[in-house]
PDB file of all heavy atoms in Angstrom:
ATOM      1  N   SER A   1    -161.502 -46.999  25.818  1.00  0.00           N
ATOM      2  CA  SER A   1    -162.878 -47.114  26.253  1.00  0.00           C
ATOM      3  C   SER A   1    -163.308 -48.570  26.384  1.00  0.00           C
ATOM      4  O   SER A   1    -164.357 -48.847  27.003  1.00  0.00           O
ATOM      5  CB  SER A   1    -163.829 -46.395  25.337  1.00  0.00           C
ATOM      6  OG  SER A   1    -164.020 -47.132  24.173  1.00  0.00           O
ATOM      7  N   LEU A   2    -162.567 -49.511  25.885  1.00  0.00           N
ATOM      8  CA  LEU A   2    -162.839 -50.881  25.855  1.00  0.00           C
ATOM      9  C   LEU A   2    -162.433 -51.621  27.136  1.00  0.00           C
ATOM     10  O   LEU A   2    -161.444 -51.258  27.727  1.00  0.00           O
ATOM     11  CB  LEU A   2    -162.309 -51.598  24.649  1.00  0.00           C
ATOM     12  CG  LEU A   2    -162.700 -51.012  23.263  1.00  0.00           C
ATOM     13  CD1 LEU A   2    -161.900 -51.710  22.177  1.00  0.00           C
ATOM     14  CD2 LEU A   2    -164.171 -51.163  23.033  1.00  0.00           C
ATOM     15  N   ARG A   3    -163.231 -52.622  27.464  1.00  0.00           N
ATOM     16  CA  ARG A   3    -162.837 -53.439  28.676  1.00  0.00           C
ATOM     17  C   ARG A   3    -161.522 -54.119  28.430  1.00  0.00           C
ATOM     18  O   ARG A   3    -160.630 -54.130  29.304  1.00  0.00           O
ATOM     19  CB  ARG A   3    -163.942 -54.460  28.928  1.00  0.00           C
ATOM     20  CG  ARG A   3    -163.758 -55.223  30.206  1.00  0.00           C
ATOM     21  CD  ARG A   3    -164.914 -56.172  30.435  1.00  0.00           C
ATOM     22  NE  ARG A   3    -165.110 -56.972  29.231  1.00  0.00           N
ATOM     23  CZ  ARG A   3    -165.012 -58.340  29.275  1.00  0.00           C
ATOM     24  NH1 ARG A   3    -164.810 -58.963  30.390  1.00  0.00           N
ATOM     25  NH2 ARG A   3    -165.170 -59.035  28.132  1.00  0.00           N
ATOM     26  N   ARG A   4    -161.371 -54.728  27.232  1.00  0.00           N
ATOM     27  CA  ARG A   4    -160.091 -55.349  26.897  1.00  0.00           C
ATOM     28  C   ARG A   4    -159.556 -54.508  25.709  1.00  0.00           C
ATOM     29  O   ARG A   4    -160.012 -54.641  24.604  1.00  0.00           O
ATOM     30  CB  ARG A   4    -160.281 -56.775  26.454  1.00  0.00           C
ATOM     31  CG  ARG A   4    -160.688 -57.680  27.573  1.00  0.00           C
ATOM     32  CD  ARG A   4    -160.680 -59.101  27.123  1.00  0.00           C
ATOM     33  NE  ARG A   4    -161.126 -59.904  28.257  1.00  0.00           N
ATOM     34  CZ  ARG A   4    -160.727 -61.159  28.442  1.00  0.00           C
ATOM     35  NH1 ARG A   4    -159.900 -61.715  27.564  1.00  0.00           N
ATOM     36  NH2 ARG A   4    -161.142 -61.827  29.444  1.00  0.00           N
ATOM     37  N   SER A   5    -158.595 -53.733  25.945  1.00  0.00           N
ATOM     38  CA  SER A   5    -158.093 -52.785  25.006  1.00  0.00           C
ATOM     39  C   SER A   5    -157.081 -53.511  24.081  1.00  0.00           C
ATOM     40  O   SER A   5    -155.983 -53.870  24.506  1.00  0.00           O
ATOM     41  CB  SER A   5    -157.366 -51.612  25.673  1.00  0.00           C
ATOM     42  OG  SER A   5    -158.233 -50.961  26.525  1.00  0.00           O
ATOM     43  N   PRO A   6    -157.435 -53.626  22.789  1.00  0.00           N
ATOM     44  CA  PRO A   6    -156.539 -54.302  21.858  1.00  0.00           C
ATOM     45  C   PRO A   6    -155.406 -53.368  21.401  1.00  0.00           C
ATOM     46  O   PRO A   6    -155.569 -52.147  21.435  1.00  0.00           O
ATOM     47  CB  PRO A   6    -157.441 -54.668  20.690  1.00  0.00           C
ATOM     48  CG  PRO A   6    -158.475 -53.568  20.719  1.00  0.00           C
ATOM     49  CD  PRO A   6    -158.680 -53.286  22.155  1.00  0.00           C
ATOM     50  N   ASP A   7    -154.305 -53.943  21.010  1.00  0.00           N
ATOM     51  CA  ASP A   7    -153.234 -53.132  20.399  1.00  0.00           C
ATOM     52  C   ASP A   7    -153.761 -52.735  19.021  1.00  0.00           C
ATOM     53  O   ASP A   7    -154.479 -53.485  18.342  1.00  0.00           O
ATOM     54  CB  ASP A   7    -151.933 -53.930  20.255  1.00  0.00           C
ATOM     55  CG  ASP A   7    -151.315 -54.122  21.607  1.00  0.00           C
ATOM     56  OD1 ASP A   7    -151.795 -53.548  22.615  1.00  0.00           O
ATOM     57  OD2 ASP A   7    -150.322 -54.879  21.672  1.00  0.00           O
ATOM     58  N   VAL A   8    -153.372 -51.525  18.606  1.00  0.00           N
ATOM     59  CA  VAL A   8    -153.797 -51.003  17.313  1.00  0.00           C
ATOM     60  C   VAL A   8    -152.565 -50.570  16.530  1.00  0.00           C
ATOM     61  O   VAL A   8    -151.667 -49.944  17.073  1.00  0.00           O
ATOM     62  CB  VAL A   8    -154.697 -49.758  17.552  1.00  0.00           C
ATOM     63  CG1 VAL A   8    -155.153 -49.156  16.213  1.00  0.00           C
ATOM     64  CG2 VAL A   8    -155.932 -50.166  18.341  1.00  0.00           C
ATOM     65  N   THR A   9    -152.517 -50.973  15.283  1.00  0.00           N
ATOM     66  CA  THR A   9    -151.416 -50.532  14.410  1.00  0.00           C
ATOM     67  C   THR A   9    -151.956 -49.596  13.338  1.00  0.00           C
ATOM     68  O   THR A   9    -152.946 -49.843  12.655  1.00  0.00           O
ATOM     69  CB  THR A   9    -150.752 -51.757  13.692  1.00  0.00           C
ATOM     70  OG1 THR A   9    -150.331 -52.683  14.714  1.00  0.00           O
ATOM     71  CG2 THR A   9    -149.563 -51.355  12.843  1.00  0.00           C
ATOM     72  N   LEU A  10    -151.300 -48.372  13.246  1.00  0.00           N
ATOM     73  CA  LEU A  10    -151.666 -47.376  12.239  1.00  0.00           C
ATOM     74  C   LEU A  10    -150.514 -47.314  11.212  1.00  0.00           C
ATOM     75  O   LEU A  10    -149.368 -47.366  11.581  1.00  0.00           O
ATOM     76  CB  LEU A  10    -151.845 -46.051  12.860  1.00  0.00           C
ATOM     77  CG  LEU A  10    -153.000 -45.922  13.855  1.00  0.00           C
ATOM     78  CD1 LEU A  10    -152.561 -46.100  15.217  1.00  0.00           C
ATOM     79  CD2 LEU A  10    -153.730 -44.621  13.637  1.00  0.00           C
ATOM     80  N   ARG A  11    -150.926 -47.212   9.959  1.00  0.00           N
ATOM     81  CA  ARG A  11    -149.939 -47.072   8.877  1.00  0.00           C
ATOM     82  C   ARG A  11    -150.308 -46.042   7.913  1.00  0.00           C
ATOM     83  O   ARG A  11    -151.474 -45.969   7.467  1.00  0.00           O
ATOM     84  CB  ARG A  11    -149.802 -48.440   8.167  1.00  0.00           C
ATOM     85  CG  ARG A  11    -148.683 -48.345   7.063  1.00  0.00           C
ATOM     86  CD  ARG A  11    -148.443 -49.691   6.452  1.00  0.00           C
ATOM     87  NE  ARG A  11    -147.339 -49.571   5.548  1.00  0.00           N
ATOM     88  CZ  ARG A  11    -146.561 -50.562   5.211  1.00  0.00           C
ATOM     89  NH1 ARG A  11    -146.764 -51.720   5.715  1.00  0.00           N
ATOM     90  NH2 ARG A  11    -145.600 -50.370   4.349  1.00  0.00           N
ATOM     91  N   ARG A  12    -149.373 -45.177   7.617  1.00  0.00           N
ATOM     92  CA  ARG A  12    -149.518 -44.159   6.570  1.00  0.00           C
ATOM     93  C   ARG A  12    -148.224 -44.195   5.743  1.00  0.00           C
ATOM     94  O   ARG A  12    -147.151 -44.008   6.239  1.00  0.00           O
ATOM     95  CB  ARG A  12    -149.699 -42.774   7.177  1.00  0.00           C
ATOM     96  CG  ARG A  12    -149.750 -41.780   6.000  1.00  0.00           C
ATOM     97  CD  ARG A  12    -150.215 -40.402   6.477  1.00  0.00           C
ATOM     98  NE  ARG A  12    -150.241 -39.528   5.305  1.00  0.00           N
ATOM     99  CZ  ARG A  12    -149.457 -38.535   5.187  1.00  0.00           C
ATOM    100  NH1 ARG A  12    -148.610 -38.178   6.157  1.00  0.00           N
ATOM    101  NH2 ARG A  12    -149.487 -37.810   4.063  1.00  0.00           N
ATOM    102  N   GLY A  13    -148.398 -44.507   4.471  1.00  0.00           N
ATOM    103  CA  GLY A  13    -147.244 -44.637   3.598  1.00  0.00           C
ATOM    104  C   GLY A  13    -146.274 -45.676   4.121  1.00  0.00           C
ATOM    105  O   GLY A  13    -146.648 -46.796   4.332  1.00  0.00           O
ATOM    106  N   THR A  14    -145.054 -45.265   4.375  1.00  0.00           N
ATOM    107  CA  THR A  14    -144.038 -46.218   4.832  1.00  0.00           C
ATOM    108  C   THR A  14    -143.883 -46.286   6.344  1.00  0.00           C
ATOM    109  O   THR A  14    -143.053 -46.972   6.843  1.00  0.00           O
ATOM    110  CB  THR A  14    -142.684 -45.808   4.201  1.00  0.00           C
ATOM    111  OG1 THR A  14    -142.349 -44.462   4.617  1.00  0.00           O
ATOM    112  CG2 THR A  14    -142.670 -45.869   2.673  1.00  0.00           C
ATOM    113  N   THR A  15    -144.691 -45.483   7.026  1.00  0.00           N
ATOM    114  CA  THR A  15    -144.606 -45.433   8.519  1.00  0.00           C
ATOM    115  C   THR A  15    -145.666 -46.252   9.122  1.00  0.00           C
ATOM    116  O   THR A  15    -146.856 -46.122   8.828  1.00  0.00           O
ATOM    117  CB  THR A  15    -144.718 -43.932   8.971  1.00  0.00           C
ATOM    118  OG1 THR A  15    -143.661 -43.157   8.396  1.00  0.00           O
ATOM    119  CG2 THR A  15    -144.600 -43.844  10.484  1.00  0.00           C
ATOM    120  N   GLU A  16    -145.261 -47.108  10.056  1.00  0.00           N
ATOM    121  CA  GLU A  16    -146.198 -47.974  10.764  1.00  0.00           C
ATOM    122  C   GLU A  16    -145.920 -47.835  12.246  1.00  0.00           C
ATOM    123  O   GLU A  16    -144.760 -47.983  12.637  1.00  0.00           O
ATOM    124  CB  GLU A  16    -146.048 -49.405  10.291  1.00  0.00           C
ATOM    125  CG  GLU A  16    -147.012 -50.351  10.912  1.00  0.00           C
ATOM    126  CD  GLU A  16    -146.901 -51.762  10.278  1.00  0.00           C
ATOM    127  OE1 GLU A  16    -147.194 -51.895   9.063  1.00  0.00           O
ATOM    128  OE2 GLU A  16    -146.530 -52.677  10.996  1.00  0.00           O
ATOM    129  N   VAL A  17    -146.966 -47.648  13.070  1.00  0.00           N
ATOM    130  CA  VAL A  17    -146.813 -47.440  14.479  1.00  0.00           C
ATOM    131  C   VAL A  17    -147.818 -48.310  15.221  1.00  0.00           C
ATOM    132  O   VAL A  17    -149.004 -48.320  14.890  1.00  0.00           O
ATOM    133  CB  VAL A  17    -147.026 -45.969  14.836  1.00  0.00           C
ATOM    134  CG1 VAL A  17    -146.819 -45.794  16.345  1.00  0.00           C
ATOM    135  CG2 VAL A  17    -146.139 -45.076  14.108  1.00  0.00           C
ATOM    136  N   ARG A  18    -147.361 -49.036  16.245  1.00  0.00           N
ATOM    137  CA  ARG A  18    -148.249 -49.850  17.076  1.00  0.00           C
ATOM    138  C   ARG A  18    -148.542 -49.130  18.380  1.00  0.00           C
ATOM    139  O   ARG A  18    -147.633 -48.727  19.072  1.00  0.00           O
ATOM    140  CB  ARG A  18    -147.575 -51.196  17.308  1.00  0.00           C
ATOM    141  CG  ARG A  18    -148.416 -52.162  18.088  1.00  0.00           C
ATOM    142  CD  ARG A  18    -147.700 -53.436  18.331  1.00  0.00           C
ATOM    143  NE  ARG A  18    -148.543 -54.391  18.994  1.00  0.00           N
ATOM    144  CZ  ARG A  18    -148.819 -55.566  18.503  1.00  0.00           C
ATOM    145  NH1 ARG A  18    -148.278 -55.941  17.355  1.00  0.00           N
ATOM    146  NH2 ARG A  18    -149.611 -56.365  19.130  1.00  0.00           N
ATOM    147  N   ILE A  19    -149.827 -49.010  18.676  1.00  0.00           N
ATOM    148  CA  ILE A  19    -150.225 -48.346  19.930  1.00  0.00           C
ATOM    149  C   ILE A  19    -150.691 -49.430  20.892  1.00  0.00           C
ATOM    150  O   ILE A  19    -151.697 -50.117  20.653  1.00  0.00           O
ATOM    151  CB  ILE A  19    -151.355 -47.293  19.674  1.00  0.00           C
ATOM    152  CG1 ILE A  19    -150.763 -46.213  18.739  1.00  0.00           C
ATOM    153  CG2 ILE A  19    -151.819 -46.710  21.016  1.00  0.00           C
ATOM    154  CD1 ILE A  19    -151.832 -45.196  18.352  1.00  0.00           C
ATOM    155  N   ASP A  20    -149.928 -49.567  21.971  1.00  0.00           N
ATOM    156  CA  ASP A  20    -150.336 -50.525  22.961  1.00  0.00           C
ATOM    157  C   ASP A  20    -150.748 -49.767  24.262  1.00  0.00           C
ATOM    158  O   ASP A  20    -150.784 -48.533  24.204  1.00  0.00           O
ATOM    159  CB  ASP A  20    -149.190 -51.555  23.266  1.00  0.00           C
ATOM    160  CG  ASP A  20    -147.915 -50.843  23.743  1.00  0.00           C
ATOM    161  OD1 ASP A  20    -147.945 -49.631  24.105  1.00  0.00           O
ATOM    162  OD2 ASP A  20    -146.831 -51.480  23.699  1.00  0.00           O
ATOM    163  N   GLY A  21    -150.998 -50.477  25.325  1.00  0.00           N
ATOM    164  CA  GLY A  21    -151.424 -49.800  26.556  1.00  0.00           C
ATOM    165  C   GLY A  21    -150.458 -48.769  27.084  1.00  0.00           C
ATOM    166  O   GLY A  21    -150.856 -47.702  27.540  1.00  0.00           O
ATOM    167  N   GLU A  22    -149.182 -49.075  27.042  1.00  0.00           N
ATOM    168  CA  GLU A  22    -148.167 -48.187  27.561  1.00  0.00           C
ATOM    169  C   GLU A  22    -148.118 -46.910  26.727  1.00  0.00           C
ATOM    170  O   GLU A  22    -148.095 -45.794  27.222  1.00  0.00           O
ATOM    171  CB  GLU A  22    -146.808 -48.886  27.555  1.00  0.00           C
ATOM    172  CG  GLU A  22    -145.717 -48.089  28.200  1.00  0.00           C
ATOM    173  CD  GLU A  22    -144.381 -48.819  28.275  1.00  0.00           C
ATOM    174  OE1 GLU A  22    -144.406 -50.077  28.326  1.00  0.00           O
ATOM    175  OE2 GLU A  22    -143.361 -48.165  28.291  1.00  0.00           O
ATOM    176  N   LEU A  23    -148.099 -47.049  25.411  1.00  0.00           N
ATOM    177  CA  LEU A  23    -148.012 -45.920  24.503  1.00  0.00           C
ATOM    178  C   LEU A  23    -149.293 -45.024  24.610  1.00  0.00           C
ATOM    179  O   LEU A  23    -149.201 -43.791  24.582  1.00  0.00           O
ATOM    180  CB  LEU A  23    -147.741 -46.257  23.105  1.00  0.00           C
ATOM    181  CG  LEU A  23    -147.582 -45.176  22.068  1.00  0.00           C
ATOM    182  CD1 LEU A  23    -146.454 -44.231  22.431  1.00  0.00           C
ATOM    183  CD2 LEU A  23    -147.324 -45.759  20.664  1.00  0.00           C
ATOM    184  N   ALA A  24    -150.420 -45.681  24.787  1.00  0.00           N
ATOM    185  CA  ALA A  24    -151.682 -44.967  24.838  1.00  0.00           C
ATOM    186  C   ALA A  24    -151.755 -44.026  26.070  1.00  0.00           C
ATOM    187  O   ALA A  24    -152.497 -43.005  26.060  1.00  0.00           O
ATOM    188  CB  ALA A  24    -152.838 -45.951  24.885  1.00  0.00           C
ATOM    189  N   ARG A  25    -150.943 -44.321  27.095  1.00  0.00           N
ATOM    190  CA  ARG A  25    -150.947 -43.525  28.306  1.00  0.00           C
ATOM    191  C   ARG A  25    -149.766 -42.537  28.307  1.00  0.00           C
ATOM    192  O   ARG A  25    -149.566 -41.811  29.318  1.00  0.00           O
ATOM    193  CB  ARG A  25    -150.847 -44.399  29.539  1.00  0.00           C
ATOM    194  CG  ARG A  25    -152.087 -45.249  29.774  1.00  0.00           C
ATOM    195  CD  ARG A  25    -152.023 -46.054  31.073  1.00  0.00           C
ATOM    196  NE  ARG A  25    -150.869 -47.006  31.027  1.00  0.00           N
ATOM    197  CZ  ARG A  25    -150.967 -48.262  30.570  1.00  0.00           C
ATOM    198  NH1 ARG A  25    -152.047 -48.663  30.000  1.00  0.00           N
ATOM    199  NH2 ARG A  25    -149.922 -49.035  30.606  1.00  0.00           N
ATOM    200  N   ASP A  26    -149.041 -42.446  27.240  1.00  0.00           N
ATOM    201  CA  ASP A  26    -147.828 -41.571  27.193  1.00  0.00           C
ATOM    202  C   ASP A  26    -148.058 -40.410  26.215  1.00  0.00           C
ATOM    203  O   ASP A  26    -147.992 -40.604  25.002  1.00  0.00           O
ATOM    204  CB  ASP A  26    -146.673 -42.421  26.694  1.00  0.00           C
ATOM    205  CG  ASP A  26    -145.377 -41.660  26.578  1.00  0.00           C
ATOM    206  OD1 ASP A  26    -145.309 -40.444  26.952  1.00  0.00           O
ATOM    207  OD2 ASP A  26    -144.432 -42.253  26.001  1.00  0.00           O
ATOM    208  N   PRO A  27    -148.442 -39.250  26.730  1.00  0.00           N
ATOM    209  CA  PRO A  27    -148.669 -38.103  25.853  1.00  0.00           C
ATOM    210  C   PRO A  27    -147.560 -37.696  24.903  1.00  0.00           C
ATOM    211  O   PRO A  27    -147.742 -37.438  23.740  1.00  0.00           O
ATOM    212  CB  PRO A  27    -148.970 -36.952  26.796  1.00  0.00           C
ATOM    213  CG  PRO A  27    -149.390 -37.620  28.100  1.00  0.00           C
ATOM    214  CD  PRO A  27    -148.656 -38.901  28.128  1.00  0.00           C
ATOM    215  N   GLU A  28    -146.320 -37.818  25.392  1.00  0.00           N
ATOM    216  CA  GLU A  28    -145.176 -37.523  24.575  1.00  0.00           C
ATOM    217  C   GLU A  28    -145.006 -38.563  23.488  1.00  0.00           C
ATOM    218  O   GLU A  28    -144.674 -38.267  22.341  1.00  0.00           O
ATOM    219  CB  GLU A  28    -143.922 -37.366  25.426  1.00  0.00           C
ATOM    220  CG  GLU A  28    -142.635 -37.041  24.607  1.00  0.00           C
ATOM    221  CD  GLU A  28    -142.720 -35.752  23.845  1.00  0.00           C
ATOM    222  OE1 GLU A  28    -143.430 -34.877  24.190  1.00  0.00           O
ATOM    223  OE2 GLU A  28    -142.005 -35.665  22.812  1.00  0.00           O
ATOM    224  N   GLY A  29    -145.214 -39.810  23.842  1.00  0.00           N
ATOM    225  CA  GLY A  29    -145.113 -40.895  22.839  1.00  0.00           C
ATOM    226  C   GLY A  29    -146.202 -40.720  21.769  1.00  0.00           C
ATOM    227  O   GLY A  29    -145.914 -40.899  20.554  1.00  0.00           O
ATOM    228  N   LEU A  30    -147.425 -40.346  22.165  1.00  0.00           N
ATOM    229  CA  LEU A  30    -148.487 -40.135  21.192  1.00  0.00           C
ATOM    230  C   LEU A  30    -148.158 -38.950  20.310  1.00  0.00           C
ATOM    231  O   LEU A  30    -148.444 -38.945  19.083  1.00  0.00           O
ATOM    232  CB  LEU A  30    -149.803 -39.941  21.882  1.00  0.00           C
ATOM    233  CG  LEU A  30    -150.374 -41.209  22.525  1.00  0.00           C
ATOM    234  CD1 LEU A  30    -151.605 -40.897  23.314  1.00  0.00           C
ATOM    235  CD2 LEU A  30    -150.655 -42.281  21.456  1.00  0.00           C
TER     236      LEU A  30
END
């Protein structure tokens, strides 16, 4: 929703995932 979409990193326990523009548009990746 943002004009400049920042990359976002989510972490739970030992798992860390970075969501960038490409991944945000990939339903299977999400």
